[in-house]
Amino acid sequence: MTRDEVVDLLTLIASYDRRTVGNADIAAWKLAVGDLEFADAQEAVVAHVRQSSDWTTPAHIRQLVKAARAARLDRSLPPAPPAEAAASPAKYQAMVRAAVKAAADGRGIRRALGPAPLPGEPPEEWKQTRQAIEPLRHSKREDALSQVAESRKERHAELDEPGSAS
């Protein structure tokens, strides 16, 4: 978070508990929560005041942000890095970490495609549509797997040919 975002966060908190905010408060809160995303911290403040009348502290904000990020990771599966990245373990690990961070930040595939799903069971129409397209989804997956297997065979055949450059 930037200093201005910390000021905005403290202004939000002050609107609930009437605290006074000065430069020392801004500096202290920047040290305590400055590594968090502003939107996450803002949501944590609102969540805290909805469920508690306790004075809001950086510890409350950190706990609620941690819980929100964990919930996002539970709801989404970060995409795997491309196979080419496996040749470099450090690059692969960095890509996995970046994908997990993006998912925890709420920038996963689901967020990119639209708003988060509503809580509770999906509508019956959605369930029926999902059942109708399920065979198509599986056939496409099987097609993709067979294409990968065919490509691997061709690649191995090229490597096994005499006179081929290795």
N, C-alpha and C. Protein backbone atom coordinates (compact mmCIF):
# COMPACT_ATOMS: atom_id res chain seq x y z
N MET A 1 0.84 -1.17 0.00
CA MET A 1 0.00 0.00 0.00
C MET A 1 0.88 1.24 0.00
N THR A 2 0.43 2.23 -0.69
CA THR A 2 1.13 3.51 -0.67
C THR A 2 0.75 4.27 0.60
N ARG A 3 1.47 5.35 0.87
CA ARG A 3 1.15 6.18 2.04
C ARG A 3 -0.26 6.74 1.91
N ASP A 4 -0.62 7.19 0.71
CA ASP A 4 -1.96 7.74 0.50
C ASP A 4 -3.04 6.69 0.75
N GLU A 5 -2.77 5.45 0.38
CA GLU A 5 -3.75 4.39 0.63
C GLU A 5 -3.88 4.11 2.12
N VAL A 6 -2.76 4.18 2.85
CA VAL A 6 -2.82 4.01 4.31
C VAL A 6 -3.65 5.13 4.92
N VAL A 7 -3.47 6.36 4.41
CA VAL A 7 -4.29 7.49 4.89
C VAL A 7 -5.77 7.20 4.62
N ASP A 8 -6.08 6.72 3.41
CA ASP A 8 -7.47 6.39 3.07
C ASP A 8 -8.01 5.29 3.98
N LEU A 9 -7.18 4.29 4.27
CA LEU A 9 -7.61 3.20 5.15
C LEU A 9 -7.90 3.72 6.55
N LEU A 10 -7.00 4.55 7.08
CA LEU A 10 -7.21 5.11 8.40
C LEU A 10 -8.41 6.05 8.44
N THR A 11 -8.67 6.75 7.34
CA THR A 11 -9.85 7.61 7.26
C THR A 11 -11.11 6.76 7.34
N LEU A 12 -11.11 5.62 6.65
CA LEU A 12 -12.25 4.71 6.72
C LEU A 12 -12.44 4.21 8.15
N ILE A 13 -11.36 3.78 8.77
CA ILE A 13 -11.45 3.27 10.14
C ILE A 13 -11.95 4.37 11.07
N ALA A 14 -11.44 5.59 10.91
CA ALA A 14 -11.84 6.71 11.76
C ALA A 14 -13.32 7.04 11.58
N SER A 15 -13.85 6.78 10.40
CA SER A 15 -15.27 7.05 10.20
C SER A 15 -16.14 6.12 11.03
N TYR A 16 -15.60 4.97 11.42
CA TYR A 16 -16.34 4.04 12.26
C TYR A 16 -16.11 4.29 13.75
N ASP A 17 -14.86 4.55 14.15
CA ASP A 17 -14.58 4.62 15.60
C ASP A 17 -14.16 6.00 16.09
N ARG A 18 -14.22 6.99 15.23
CA ARG A 18 -13.95 8.38 15.60
C ARG A 18 -12.54 8.63 16.14
N ARG A 19 -11.59 7.80 15.75
CA ARG A 19 -10.22 8.02 16.20
C ARG A 19 -9.63 9.23 15.48
N THR A 20 -8.62 9.83 16.07
CA THR A 20 -7.89 10.90 15.40
C THR A 20 -6.66 10.28 14.77
N VAL A 21 -6.28 10.81 13.63
CA VAL A 21 -5.17 10.23 12.89
C VAL A 21 -4.14 11.32 12.61
N GLY A 22 -2.90 11.03 12.95
CA GLY A 22 -1.80 11.96 12.69
C GLY A 22 -0.70 11.27 11.91
N ASN A 23 0.38 11.98 11.68
CA ASN A 23 1.50 11.44 10.91
C ASN A 23 2.12 10.20 11.56
N ALA A 24 2.17 10.18 12.88
CA ALA A 24 2.74 9.01 13.58
C ALA A 24 1.87 7.78 13.35
N ASP A 25 0.55 7.97 13.37
CA ASP A 25 -0.37 6.86 13.11
C ASP A 25 -0.17 6.33 11.69
N ILE A 26 -0.06 7.24 10.75
CA ILE A 26 0.12 6.85 9.35
C ILE A 26 1.39 6.04 9.19
N ALA A 27 2.49 6.52 9.79
CA ALA A 27 3.77 5.81 9.69
C ALA A 27 3.69 4.44 10.35
N ALA A 28 3.06 4.36 11.51
CA ALA A 28 2.96 3.08 12.22
C ALA A 28 2.11 2.08 11.44
N TRP A 29 0.97 2.53 10.92
CA TRP A 29 0.11 1.64 10.15
C TRP A 29 0.78 1.23 8.84
N LYS A 30 1.55 2.12 8.25
CA LYS A 30 2.27 1.78 7.01
C LYS A 30 3.24 0.62 7.29
N LEU A 31 3.93 0.69 8.43
CA LEU A 31 4.83 -0.40 8.81
C LEU A 31 4.08 -1.70 9.06
N ALA A 32 2.92 -1.60 9.67
CA ALA A 32 2.18 -2.79 10.10
C ALA A 32 1.38 -3.45 8.98
N VAL A 33 0.81 -2.66 8.06
CA VAL A 33 -0.05 -3.24 7.02
C VAL A 33 0.31 -2.77 5.62
N GLY A 34 1.40 -2.07 5.47
CA GLY A 34 1.78 -1.51 4.17
C GLY A 34 2.05 -2.54 3.09
N ASP A 35 2.31 -3.78 3.47
CA ASP A 35 2.58 -4.83 2.48
C ASP A 35 1.30 -5.44 1.93
N LEU A 36 0.15 -5.09 2.49
CA LEU A 36 -1.12 -5.66 2.03
C LEU A 36 -1.69 -4.86 0.86
N GLU A 37 -2.54 -5.51 0.10
CA GLU A 37 -3.26 -4.82 -0.98
C GLU A 37 -4.32 -3.93 -0.35
N PHE A 38 -4.46 -2.71 -0.87
CA PHE A 38 -5.41 -1.75 -0.30
C PHE A 38 -6.83 -2.31 -0.32
N ALA A 39 -7.26 -2.88 -1.43
CA ALA A 39 -8.63 -3.39 -1.53
C ALA A 39 -8.89 -4.47 -0.48
N ASP A 40 -7.91 -5.34 -0.26
CA ASP A 40 -8.06 -6.39 0.75
C ASP A 40 -8.18 -5.78 2.14
N ALA A 41 -7.33 -4.79 2.44
CA ALA A 41 -7.37 -4.16 3.75
C ALA A 41 -8.69 -3.42 3.97
N GLN A 42 -9.16 -2.77 2.93
CA GLN A 42 -10.43 -2.04 3.01
C GLN A 42 -11.58 -3.02 3.30
N GLU A 43 -11.60 -4.14 2.59
CA GLU A 43 -12.64 -5.15 2.83
C GLU A 43 -12.53 -5.70 4.25
N ALA A 44 -11.29 -5.84 4.74
CA ALA A 44 -11.08 -6.36 6.10
C ALA A 44 -11.63 -5.39 7.15
N VAL A 45 -11.45 -4.09 6.92
CA VAL A 45 -12.00 -3.10 7.86
C VAL A 45 -13.51 -3.23 7.93
N VAL A 46 -14.15 -3.30 6.78
CA VAL A 46 -15.61 -3.40 6.74
C VAL A 46 -16.07 -4.71 7.41
N ALA A 47 -15.36 -5.79 7.11
CA ALA A 47 -15.72 -7.08 7.74
C ALA A 47 -15.56 -7.00 9.25
N HIS A 48 -14.50 -6.37 9.70
CA HIS A 48 -14.25 -6.26 11.14
C HIS A 48 -15.37 -5.48 11.83
N VAL A 49 -15.73 -4.33 11.29
CA VAL A 49 -16.75 -3.52 11.97
C VAL A 49 -18.14 -4.15 11.87
N ARG A 50 -18.34 -5.02 10.90
CA ARG A 50 -19.62 -5.73 10.80
C ARG A 50 -19.76 -6.79 11.88
N GLN A 51 -18.64 -7.38 12.29
CA GLN A 51 -18.71 -8.50 13.21
C GLN A 51 -18.21 -8.19 14.62
N SER A 52 -17.65 -7.00 14.83
CA SER A 52 -17.09 -6.71 16.14
C SER A 52 -17.19 -5.22 16.47
N SER A 53 -17.31 -4.94 17.75
CA SER A 53 -17.28 -3.55 18.18
C SER A 53 -15.91 -3.20 18.77
N ASP A 54 -14.95 -4.12 18.66
CA ASP A 54 -13.59 -3.88 19.15
C ASP A 54 -12.91 -2.80 18.31
N TRP A 55 -12.03 -2.07 18.94
CA TRP A 55 -11.19 -1.06 18.29
C TRP A 55 -10.38 -1.77 17.20
N THR A 56 -10.39 -1.26 15.99
CA THR A 56 -9.71 -1.89 14.87
C THR A 56 -8.21 -1.72 15.00
N THR A 57 -7.48 -2.83 14.89
CA THR A 57 -6.02 -2.81 14.98
C THR A 57 -5.42 -3.43 13.73
N PRO A 58 -4.12 -3.20 13.50
CA PRO A 58 -3.47 -3.85 12.36
C PRO A 58 -3.58 -5.38 12.43
N ALA A 59 -3.56 -5.94 13.62
CA ALA A 59 -3.68 -7.40 13.75
C ALA A 59 -5.01 -7.89 13.21
N HIS A 60 -6.10 -7.15 13.49
CA HIS A 60 -7.41 -7.53 12.95
C HIS A 60 -7.37 -7.52 11.43
N ILE A 61 -6.80 -6.47 10.88
CA ILE A 61 -6.75 -6.34 9.42
C ILE A 61 -5.93 -7.48 8.82
N ARG A 62 -4.78 -7.76 9.39
CA ARG A 62 -3.91 -8.82 8.86
C ARG A 62 -4.62 -10.18 8.92
N GLN A 63 -5.29 -10.48 10.03
CA GLN A 63 -5.98 -11.76 10.17
C GLN A 63 -7.09 -11.91 9.14
N LEU A 64 -7.86 -10.86 8.94
CA LEU A 64 -8.97 -10.93 7.99
C LEU A 64 -8.48 -11.00 6.55
N VAL A 65 -7.41 -10.28 6.23
CA VAL A 65 -6.84 -10.35 4.87
C VAL A 65 -6.29 -11.75 4.62
N LYS A 66 -5.61 -12.31 5.60
CA LYS A 66 -5.07 -13.67 5.47
C LYS A 66 -6.20 -14.67 5.21
N ALA A 67 -7.28 -14.54 5.94
CA ALA A 67 -8.42 -15.45 5.77
C ALA A 67 -9.05 -15.27 4.39
N ALA A 68 -9.17 -14.03 3.93
CA ALA A 68 -9.77 -13.78 2.61
C ALA A 68 -8.90 -14.35 1.50
N ARG A 69 -7.58 -14.20 1.62
CA ARG A 69 -6.68 -14.74 0.61
C ARG A 69 -6.73 -16.27 0.60
N ALA A 70 -6.79 -16.87 1.76
CA ALA A 70 -6.88 -18.33 1.85
C ALA A 70 -8.19 -18.82 1.22
N ALA A 71 -9.27 -18.08 1.46
CA ALA A 71 -10.56 -18.45 0.88
C ALA A 71 -10.51 -18.36 -0.64
N ARG A 72 -9.85 -17.34 -1.17
CA ARG A 72 -9.72 -17.22 -2.63
C ARG A 72 -8.93 -18.40 -3.20
N LEU A 73 -7.86 -18.79 -2.52
CA LEU A 73 -7.08 -19.93 -2.99
C LEU A 73 -7.89 -21.21 -2.94
N ASP A 74 -8.74 -21.34 -1.93
CA ASP A 74 -9.60 -22.53 -1.84
C ASP A 74 -10.59 -22.60 -2.99
N ARG A 75 -11.01 -21.43 -3.50
CA ARG A 75 -12.02 -21.38 -4.56
C ARG A 75 -11.44 -21.46 -5.96
N SER A 76 -10.13 -21.30 -6.11
CA SER A 76 -9.59 -21.30 -7.47
C SER A 76 -8.32 -22.12 -7.53
N LEU A 77 -8.10 -22.68 -8.67
CA LEU A 77 -6.91 -23.48 -8.91
C LEU A 77 -6.00 -22.68 -9.84
N PRO A 78 -4.84 -22.25 -9.35
CA PRO A 78 -3.95 -21.49 -10.23
C PRO A 78 -3.53 -22.35 -11.42
N PRO A 79 -3.43 -21.75 -12.60
CA PRO A 79 -3.03 -22.53 -13.78
C PRO A 79 -1.58 -22.98 -13.67
N ALA A 80 -1.31 -24.14 -14.23
CA ALA A 80 0.06 -24.66 -14.22
C ALA A 80 0.89 -23.89 -15.24
N PRO A 81 2.18 -23.70 -14.95
CA PRO A 81 3.05 -23.05 -15.94
C PRO A 81 3.17 -23.92 -17.18
N PRO A 82 3.57 -23.33 -18.30
CA PRO A 82 3.74 -24.13 -19.51
C PRO A 82 4.83 -25.19 -19.32
N ALA A 83 4.72 -26.27 -20.06
CA ALA A 83 5.67 -27.38 -19.93
C ALA A 83 7.11 -26.95 -20.19
N GLU A 84 7.30 -25.96 -21.06
CA GLU A 84 8.66 -25.50 -21.39
C GLU A 84 9.38 -24.96 -20.16
N ALA A 85 8.63 -24.45 -19.20
CA ALA A 85 9.23 -23.88 -18.00
C ALA A 85 9.84 -24.95 -17.10
N ALA A 86 9.46 -26.20 -17.29
CA ALA A 86 9.97 -27.29 -16.45
C ALA A 86 11.47 -27.50 -16.64
N ALA A 87 12.02 -27.02 -17.75
CA ALA A 87 13.45 -27.17 -18.00
C ALA A 87 14.26 -26.34 -17.01
N SER A 88 13.67 -25.32 -16.46
CA SER A 88 14.35 -24.47 -15.48
C SER A 88 13.55 -24.49 -14.18
N PRO A 89 14.00 -25.28 -13.20
CA PRO A 89 13.25 -25.38 -11.94
C PRO A 89 13.01 -24.02 -11.27
N ALA A 90 13.98 -23.13 -11.32
CA ALA A 90 13.82 -21.82 -10.68
C ALA A 90 12.73 -21.02 -11.39
N LYS A 91 12.73 -21.07 -12.72
CA LYS A 91 11.72 -20.34 -13.49
C LYS A 91 10.34 -20.95 -13.23
N TYR A 92 10.26 -22.28 -13.20
CA TYR A 92 8.99 -22.96 -12.96
C TYR A 92 8.45 -22.58 -11.59
N GLN A 93 9.31 -22.62 -10.58
CA GLN A 93 8.89 -22.28 -9.21
C GLN A 93 8.42 -20.83 -9.14
N ALA A 94 9.13 -19.93 -9.81
CA ALA A 94 8.72 -18.51 -9.80
C ALA A 94 7.36 -18.33 -10.47
N MET A 95 7.11 -19.08 -11.55
CA MET A 95 5.83 -18.99 -12.24
C MET A 95 4.69 -19.54 -11.37
N VAL A 96 4.96 -20.62 -10.64
CA VAL A 96 3.95 -21.19 -9.75
C VAL A 96 3.63 -20.19 -8.64
N ARG A 97 4.69 -19.62 -8.05
CA ARG A 97 4.47 -18.63 -6.99
C ARG A 97 3.67 -17.44 -7.49
N ALA A 98 3.97 -16.97 -8.69
CA ALA A 98 3.25 -15.83 -9.26
C ALA A 98 1.78 -16.18 -9.50
N ALA A 99 1.53 -17.41 -9.97
CA ALA A 99 0.15 -17.83 -10.22
C ALA A 99 -0.63 -17.94 -8.90
N VAL A 100 0.00 -18.47 -7.87
CA VAL A 100 -0.66 -18.59 -6.57
C VAL A 100 -0.93 -17.20 -5.99
N LYS A 101 0.03 -16.29 -6.12
CA LYS A 101 -0.17 -14.92 -5.62
C LYS A 101 -1.31 -14.25 -6.37
N ALA A 102 -1.35 -14.43 -7.69
CA ALA A 102 -2.44 -13.83 -8.48
C ALA A 102 -3.79 -14.38 -8.04
N ALA A 103 -3.86 -15.69 -7.78
CA ALA A 103 -5.12 -16.28 -7.33
C ALA A 103 -5.51 -15.75 -5.95
N ALA A 104 -4.54 -15.65 -5.05
CA ALA A 104 -4.83 -15.12 -3.71
C ALA A 104 -5.23 -13.66 -3.76
N ASP A 105 -4.66 -12.92 -4.72
CA ASP A 105 -5.00 -11.50 -4.89
C ASP A 105 -6.37 -11.32 -5.53
N GLY A 106 -6.96 -12.43 -6.00
CA GLY A 106 -8.27 -12.32 -6.62
C GLY A 106 -8.19 -12.08 -8.12
N ARG A 107 -7.02 -12.29 -8.69
CA ARG A 107 -6.87 -12.08 -10.13
C ARG A 107 -6.77 -13.41 -10.87
N GLY A 108 -7.45 -14.42 -10.35
CA GLY A 108 -7.44 -15.73 -10.98
C GLY A 108 -8.34 -15.76 -12.20
N ILE A 109 -8.47 -16.91 -12.78
CA ILE A 109 -9.27 -17.08 -13.99
C ILE A 109 -10.72 -16.69 -13.74
N ARG A 110 -11.30 -17.12 -12.61
CA ARG A 110 -12.70 -16.85 -12.34
C ARG A 110 -12.96 -15.34 -12.30
N ARG A 111 -12.09 -14.56 -11.66
CA ARG A 111 -12.28 -13.11 -11.56
C ARG A 111 -12.16 -12.48 -12.95
N ALA A 112 -11.29 -13.01 -13.79
CA ALA A 112 -11.12 -12.45 -15.12
C ALA A 112 -12.34 -12.69 -16.00
N LEU A 113 -13.08 -13.75 -15.75
CA LEU A 113 -14.23 -14.10 -16.58
C LEU A 113 -15.52 -13.47 -16.11
N GLY A 114 -15.53 -12.91 -14.96
CA GLY A 114 -16.76 -12.30 -14.48
C GLY A 114 -16.78 -12.21 -12.98
N PRO A 115 -17.88 -11.75 -12.43
CA PRO A 115 -17.95 -11.58 -10.98
C PRO A 115 -17.91 -12.94 -10.27
N ALA A 116 -17.59 -12.88 -9.01
CA ALA A 116 -17.54 -14.11 -8.21
C ALA A 116 -18.92 -14.73 -8.15
N PRO A 117 -18.98 -16.06 -8.08
CA PRO A 117 -20.29 -16.71 -8.04
C PRO A 117 -21.04 -16.34 -6.76
N LEU A 118 -22.33 -16.41 -6.85
CA LEU A 118 -23.16 -16.11 -5.69
C LEU A 118 -23.07 -17.27 -4.70
N PRO A 119 -23.25 -16.99 -3.43
CA PRO A 119 -23.20 -18.08 -2.45
C PRO A 119 -24.41 -19.00 -2.60
N GLY A 120 -24.25 -20.22 -2.12
CA GLY A 120 -25.35 -21.18 -2.16
C GLY A 120 -25.28 -22.06 -3.40
N GLU A 121 -26.31 -22.84 -3.57
CA GLU A 121 -26.40 -23.77 -4.70
C GLU A 121 -26.65 -23.00 -6.00
N PRO A 122 -26.05 -23.47 -7.12
CA PRO A 122 -26.34 -22.83 -8.39
C PRO A 122 -27.78 -23.10 -8.83
N PRO A 123 -28.32 -22.24 -9.69
CA PRO A 123 -29.70 -22.44 -10.15
C PRO A 123 -29.85 -23.75 -10.91
N GLU A 124 -31.05 -24.28 -10.96
CA GLU A 124 -31.32 -25.55 -11.64
C GLU A 124 -30.96 -25.47 -13.12
N GLU A 125 -31.23 -24.35 -13.75
CA GLU A 125 -30.90 -24.16 -15.16
C GLU A 125 -29.41 -24.33 -15.41
N TRP A 126 -28.59 -23.80 -14.49
CA TRP A 126 -27.13 -23.93 -14.62
C TRP A 126 -26.73 -25.40 -14.51
N LYS A 127 -27.33 -26.12 -13.55
CA LYS A 127 -27.00 -27.53 -13.36
C LYS A 127 -27.36 -28.35 -14.61
N GLN A 128 -28.52 -28.06 -15.21
CA GLN A 128 -28.95 -28.79 -16.41
C GLN A 128 -28.02 -28.50 -17.58
N THR A 129 -27.63 -27.26 -17.73
CA THR A 129 -26.71 -26.89 -18.81
C THR A 129 -25.36 -27.57 -18.60
N ARG A 130 -24.88 -27.55 -17.37
CA ARG A 130 -23.60 -28.19 -17.05
C ARG A 130 -23.64 -29.69 -17.39
N GLN A 131 -24.74 -30.36 -17.06
CA GLN A 131 -24.87 -31.78 -17.38
C GLN A 131 -24.89 -32.00 -18.89
N ALA A 132 -25.53 -31.11 -19.62
CA ALA A 132 -25.63 -31.25 -21.07
C ALA A 132 -24.27 -31.11 -21.75
N ILE A 133 -23.41 -30.24 -21.23
CA ILE A 133 -22.11 -30.03 -21.91
C ILE A 133 -21.01 -30.93 -21.37
N GLU A 134 -21.29 -31.66 -20.29
CA GLU A 134 -20.26 -32.52 -19.69
C GLU A 134 -19.64 -33.50 -20.69
N PRO A 135 -20.44 -34.21 -21.52
CA PRO A 135 -19.81 -35.12 -22.49
C PRO A 135 -18.89 -34.39 -23.47
N LEU A 136 -19.26 -33.18 -23.85
CA LEU A 136 -18.41 -32.40 -24.75
C LEU A 136 -17.09 -32.04 -24.09
N ARG A 137 -17.15 -31.66 -22.83
CA ARG A 137 -15.93 -31.30 -22.10
C ARG A 137 -14.98 -32.49 -22.04
N HIS A 138 -15.51 -33.68 -21.76
CA HIS A 138 -14.66 -34.85 -21.66
C HIS A 138 -14.09 -35.26 -23.01
N SER A 139 -14.90 -35.16 -24.07
CA SER A 139 -14.39 -35.55 -25.39
C SER A 139 -13.28 -34.59 -25.83
N LYS A 140 -13.41 -33.30 -25.53
CA LYS A 140 -12.35 -32.35 -25.88
C LYS A 140 -11.08 -32.66 -25.11
N ARG A 141 -11.21 -33.03 -23.85
CA ARG A 141 -10.04 -33.38 -23.04
C ARG A 141 -9.36 -34.61 -23.63
N GLU A 142 -10.16 -35.62 -23.99
CA GLU A 142 -9.60 -36.84 -24.57
C GLU A 142 -8.92 -36.53 -25.90
N ASP A 143 -9.53 -35.67 -26.71
CA ASP A 143 -8.91 -35.26 -27.97
C ASP A 143 -7.56 -34.60 -27.73
N ALA A 144 -7.52 -33.71 -26.74
CA ALA A 144 -6.27 -33.01 -26.44
C ALA A 144 -5.21 -33.98 -25.97
N LEU A 145 -5.59 -34.94 -25.12
CA LEU A 145 -4.61 -35.92 -24.64
C LEU A 145 -4.09 -36.79 -25.77
N SER A 146 -4.96 -37.18 -26.69
CA SER A 146 -4.49 -38.01 -27.81
C SER A 146 -3.57 -37.19 -28.73
N GLN A 147 -3.86 -35.91 -28.91
CA GLN A 147 -2.98 -35.06 -29.73
C GLN A 147 -1.61 -34.92 -29.08
N VAL A 148 -1.58 -34.80 -27.76
CA VAL A 148 -0.31 -34.70 -27.06
C VAL A 148 0.48 -36.00 -27.22
N ALA A 149 -0.19 -37.13 -27.08
CA ALA A 149 0.48 -38.42 -27.22
C ALA A 149 1.03 -38.59 -28.64
N GLU A 150 0.25 -38.20 -29.64
CA GLU A 150 0.69 -38.29 -31.03
C GLU A 150 1.90 -37.40 -31.28
N SER A 151 1.87 -36.21 -30.76
CA SER A 151 2.98 -35.27 -30.91
C SER A 151 4.24 -35.82 -30.26
N ARG A 152 4.10 -36.43 -29.09
CA ARG A 152 5.26 -37.01 -28.43
C ARG A 152 5.85 -38.14 -29.25
N LYS A 153 4.99 -38.99 -29.82
CA LYS A 153 5.48 -40.09 -30.67
C LYS A 153 6.30 -39.54 -31.82
N GLU A 154 5.75 -38.52 -32.50
CA GLU A 154 6.45 -37.92 -33.64
C GLU A 154 7.79 -37.33 -33.21
N ARG A 155 7.81 -36.65 -32.07
CA ARG A 155 9.05 -36.05 -31.59
C ARG A 155 10.09 -37.11 -31.28
N HIS A 156 9.67 -38.20 -30.62
CA HIS A 156 10.60 -39.27 -30.30
C HIS A 156 11.09 -39.97 -31.56
N ALA A 157 10.20 -40.11 -32.54
CA ALA A 157 10.60 -40.73 -33.80
C ALA A 157 11.65 -39.88 -34.49
N GLU A 158 11.47 -38.56 -34.49
CA GLU A 158 12.46 -37.67 -35.11
C GLU A 158 13.81 -37.75 -34.40
N LEU A 159 13.78 -37.85 -33.08
CA LEU A 159 15.02 -37.93 -32.31
C LEU A 159 15.73 -39.26 -32.50
N ASP A 160 14.96 -40.33 -32.75
CA ASP A 160 15.53 -41.66 -32.91
C ASP A 160 16.05 -41.93 -34.33
N GLU A 161 15.70 -41.06 -35.30
CA GLU A 161 16.15 -41.26 -36.68
C GLU A 161 17.66 -41.11 -36.77
N PRO A 162 18.31 -42.01 -37.55
CA PRO A 162 19.76 -41.86 -37.73
C PRO A 162 20.07 -40.57 -38.49
N GLY A 163 21.14 -39.91 -38.07
CA GLY A 163 21.54 -38.67 -38.73
C GLY A 163 20.82 -37.43 -38.25
N SER A 164 19.91 -37.59 -37.30
CA SER A 164 19.22 -36.40 -36.81
C SER A 164 20.11 -35.68 -35.80
N ALA A 165 20.03 -34.36 -35.81
CA ALA A 165 20.86 -33.56 -34.92
C ALA A 165 20.29 -33.64 -33.51
N SER A 166 21.14 -33.92 -32.53
CA SER A 166 20.69 -34.01 -31.15
C SER A 166 21.30 -32.91 -30.33
